[in-house]
Amino acid sequence: FAHDVTREASYALLSEPRRRLVHLQIAHALWTPDGRSAVDVLHHAALAGDHELAARASIVAGQRCLRVFAYGDARELSRRGLEHAAHLPDHSRLPLAVELYGLCTARPIGAELEEIAGHLDRLGQAASRAGLPEAAMRAFHLGAVVLFGAGDHARAFASSALAADAGRIAPSTTAAR
């Protein structure tokens, strides 16, 4: 729209279901394989109520932040993504939550270390119980990385062992990784 007032007036004429549909269409139109517009996709997916797309966009946007050392922004995108992931069933939520917490493993500070490691351990256990070995393996591996960085080598070793155990029942390509 050429002017904000025109945009706001047009937006006000739309019913709530129509607004959601328009935002969903915009989110899907903006989604690209390289994730250049991931923050915009997150915005429109959130307004559309598509929690899974919003969480996925948070992951992609957060990974882009990590590549440019914007750790604080990655943590904020993780938080936003976790809010959306909370609305999803376990089989969708758990793998997304693992990746979202993975955004916080770069440069955690102080009490964040223990908090992130605890969340990843709980996610790994839940993923194991839910029959999601790939998510369990990833959660335990990320937990081991955080614990090792914190200097807690014994717990890092235990978390690595859990990752290896989860990998044994994962598909062969995942287990090899």
Protein backbone atom coordinates (compact mmCIF):
# COMPACT_ATOMS: atom_id res chain seq x y z
CA PHE A 1 0.00 0.00 0.00
CA ALA A 2 1.24 3.46 -0.84
CA HIS A 3 0.16 4.93 2.48
CA ASP A 4 -0.23 3.54 5.99
CA VAL A 5 -3.74 4.95 6.35
CA THR A 6 -4.84 3.14 3.17
CA ARG A 7 -3.33 -0.11 4.45
CA GLU A 8 -4.96 0.24 7.88
CA ALA A 9 -8.37 1.06 6.38
CA SER A 10 -8.19 -1.92 4.00
CA TYR A 11 -7.05 -4.20 6.80
CA ALA A 12 -9.92 -3.06 9.03
CA LEU A 13 -12.42 -4.12 6.34
CA LEU A 14 -11.23 -7.73 6.44
CA SER A 15 -12.93 -10.23 8.72
CA GLU A 16 -10.70 -12.12 11.20
CA PRO A 17 -10.83 -15.42 9.24
CA ARG A 18 -10.00 -13.56 6.02
CA ARG A 19 -7.06 -11.78 7.72
CA ARG A 20 -5.68 -15.12 8.86
CA LEU A 21 -6.01 -16.53 5.36
CA VAL A 22 -4.29 -13.50 3.81
CA HIS A 23 -1.42 -13.74 6.33
CA LEU A 24 -1.08 -17.47 5.66
CA GLN A 25 -0.92 -16.86 1.92
CA ILE A 26 1.70 -14.15 2.45
CA ALA A 27 3.75 -16.44 4.69
CA HIS A 28 3.73 -19.23 2.11
CA ALA A 29 4.55 -16.79 -0.70
CA LEU A 30 7.54 -15.44 1.25
CA TRP A 31 8.94 -18.86 2.20
CA THR A 32 12.09 -19.60 0.21
CA PRO A 33 14.50 -22.55 0.49
CA ASP A 34 17.34 -20.27 1.63
CA GLY A 35 15.18 -18.66 4.33
CA ARG A 36 16.03 -15.07 3.40
CA SER A 37 12.59 -13.88 4.50
CA ALA A 38 12.24 -16.18 7.51
CA VAL A 39 11.52 -13.33 9.96
CA ASP A 40 8.74 -12.05 7.70
CA VAL A 41 7.40 -15.60 7.34
CA LEU A 42 7.43 -15.89 11.14
CA HIS A 43 5.46 -12.65 11.47
CA HIS A 44 2.77 -13.63 8.97
CA ALA A 45 2.56 -17.26 10.10
CA ALA A 46 2.06 -16.06 13.68
CA LEU A 47 -0.75 -13.73 12.60
CA ALA A 48 -2.27 -16.58 10.58
CA GLY A 49 -2.13 -18.93 13.56
CA ASP A 50 0.09 -21.46 11.75
CA HIS A 51 2.20 -22.44 14.74
CA GLU A 52 4.25 -25.08 12.95
CA LEU A 53 5.28 -22.74 10.15
CA ALA A 54 6.05 -20.01 12.68
CA ALA A 55 8.28 -22.37 14.68
CA ARG A 56 10.07 -23.57 11.53
CA ALA A 57 10.62 -19.98 10.40
CA SER A 58 12.02 -19.17 13.86
CA ILE A 59 14.57 -21.96 13.45
CA VAL A 60 15.67 -20.80 10.00
CA ALA A 61 15.86 -17.15 11.07
CA GLY A 62 17.74 -18.13 14.24
CA GLN A 63 20.26 -20.17 12.25
CA ARG A 64 20.89 -17.14 10.03
CA CYS A 65 21.47 -15.07 13.18
CA LEU A 66 24.04 -17.58 14.44
CA ARG A 67 25.93 -17.36 11.15
CA VAL A 68 26.43 -13.62 11.73
CA PHE A 69 27.13 -14.00 15.48
CA ALA A 70 23.83 -12.38 16.53
CA TYR A 71 23.43 -14.68 19.54
CA GLY A 72 20.92 -12.51 21.39
CA ASP A 73 18.66 -12.36 18.34
CA ALA A 74 18.93 -16.15 17.95
CA ARG A 75 17.84 -16.60 21.58
CA GLU A 76 14.86 -14.28 21.06
CA LEU A 77 13.82 -16.19 17.93
CA SER A 78 14.18 -19.41 19.92
CA ARG A 79 11.85 -18.06 22.59
CA ARG A 80 9.28 -16.97 20.01
CA GLY A 81 9.49 -20.31 18.22
CA LEU A 82 9.04 -22.25 21.48
CA GLU A 83 5.85 -20.29 22.17
CA HIS A 84 4.46 -21.47 18.84
CA ALA A 85 5.77 -25.02 19.19
CA ALA A 86 3.93 -25.35 22.53
CA HIS A 87 0.65 -25.44 20.58
CA LEU A 88 1.68 -28.51 18.55
CA PRO A 89 1.27 -32.23 19.26
CA ASP A 90 4.35 -34.04 20.59
CA HIS A 91 5.37 -35.65 17.28
CA SER A 92 5.70 -32.15 15.76
CA ARG A 93 6.63 -30.18 18.87
CA LEU A 94 9.54 -32.24 20.16
CA PRO A 95 11.81 -32.12 17.08
CA LEU A 96 11.09 -28.41 16.62
CA ALA A 97 11.74 -27.66 20.30
CA VAL A 98 15.08 -29.48 20.13
CA GLU A 99 16.19 -27.33 17.20
CA LEU A 100 14.87 -24.19 18.87
CA TYR A 101 16.87 -24.90 22.03
CA GLY A 102 19.80 -25.66 19.73
CA LEU A 103 19.78 -21.97 18.81
CA CYS A 104 20.65 -21.21 22.44
CA THR A 105 23.69 -23.50 22.61
CA ALA A 106 26.01 -20.96 21.01
CA ARG A 107 27.61 -18.84 23.71
CA PRO A 108 25.27 -19.56 26.64
CA ILE A 109 26.18 -17.64 29.77
CA GLY A 110 25.93 -18.34 33.49
CA ALA A 111 22.72 -19.96 34.65
CA GLU A 112 21.61 -20.37 31.03
CA LEU A 113 23.99 -23.30 30.69
CA GLU A 114 22.23 -25.42 33.28
CA GLU A 115 18.78 -24.33 32.12
CA ILE A 116 19.45 -25.19 28.47
CA ALA A 117 21.08 -28.51 29.37
CA GLY A 118 18.06 -29.40 31.54
CA HIS A 119 15.58 -28.54 28.80
CA LEU A 120 17.54 -30.57 26.25
CA ASP A 121 17.72 -33.56 28.59
CA ARG A 122 13.95 -33.44 29.21
CA LEU A 123 13.30 -33.09 25.49
CA GLY A 124 15.58 -36.05 24.77
CA GLN A 125 13.77 -38.20 27.32
CA ALA A 126 10.35 -37.14 25.97
CA ALA A 127 11.42 -37.80 22.39
CA SER A 128 12.67 -41.25 23.38
CA ARG A 129 9.33 -42.05 25.03
CA ALA A 130 7.46 -40.72 21.98
CA GLY A 131 9.41 -42.95 19.60
CA LEU A 132 11.35 -40.09 17.98
CA PRO A 133 14.95 -41.36 18.05
CA GLU A 134 16.29 -38.64 15.72
CA ALA A 135 14.99 -35.88 17.99
CA ALA A 136 16.22 -37.72 21.09
CA MET A 137 19.67 -38.18 19.62
CA ARG A 138 19.90 -34.51 18.61
CA ALA A 139 18.69 -33.30 22.03
CA PHE A 140 21.20 -35.45 23.93
CA HIS A 141 24.01 -34.43 21.57
CA LEU A 142 23.24 -30.71 21.98
CA GLY A 143 23.02 -31.22 25.74
CA ALA A 144 26.46 -32.84 25.69
CA VAL A 145 27.87 -29.87 23.78
CA VAL A 146 26.46 -27.42 26.34
CA LEU A 147 27.67 -29.48 29.31
CA PHE A 148 31.13 -29.91 27.81
CA GLY A 149 31.35 -26.15 27.25
CA ALA A 150 30.38 -25.64 30.89
CA GLY A 151 33.21 -27.93 31.97
CA ASP A 152 30.88 -30.67 33.27
CA HIS A 153 32.65 -33.48 31.43
CA ALA A 154 31.04 -36.35 33.34
CA ARG A 155 27.50 -35.23 32.48
CA ALA A 156 28.60 -34.41 28.92
CA PHE A 157 29.86 -37.99 28.56
CA ALA A 158 26.58 -39.36 29.94
CA SER A 159 24.58 -37.21 27.53
CA SER A 160 26.79 -38.36 24.63
CA ALA A 161 26.15 -41.97 25.63
CA LEU A 162 22.39 -41.31 25.59
CA ALA A 163 22.75 -39.76 22.11
CA ALA A 164 24.61 -42.85 20.92
CA ASP A 165 21.93 -45.14 22.40
CA ALA A 166 19.16 -43.15 20.71
CA GLY A 167 21.12 -43.28 17.45
CA ARG A 168 21.21 -47.06 17.53
CA ILE A 169 17.46 -47.26 16.99
CA ALA A 170 17.30 -44.35 14.54
CA PRO A 171 17.31 -44.89 10.77
CA SER A 172 20.75 -45.82 9.49
CA THR A 173 21.50 -42.41 7.94
CA THR A 174 20.73 -40.69 11.24
CA ALA A 175 22.65 -43.28 13.25
CA ALA A 176 25.70 -42.80 11.06
CA ARG A 177 25.59 -39.06 11.55
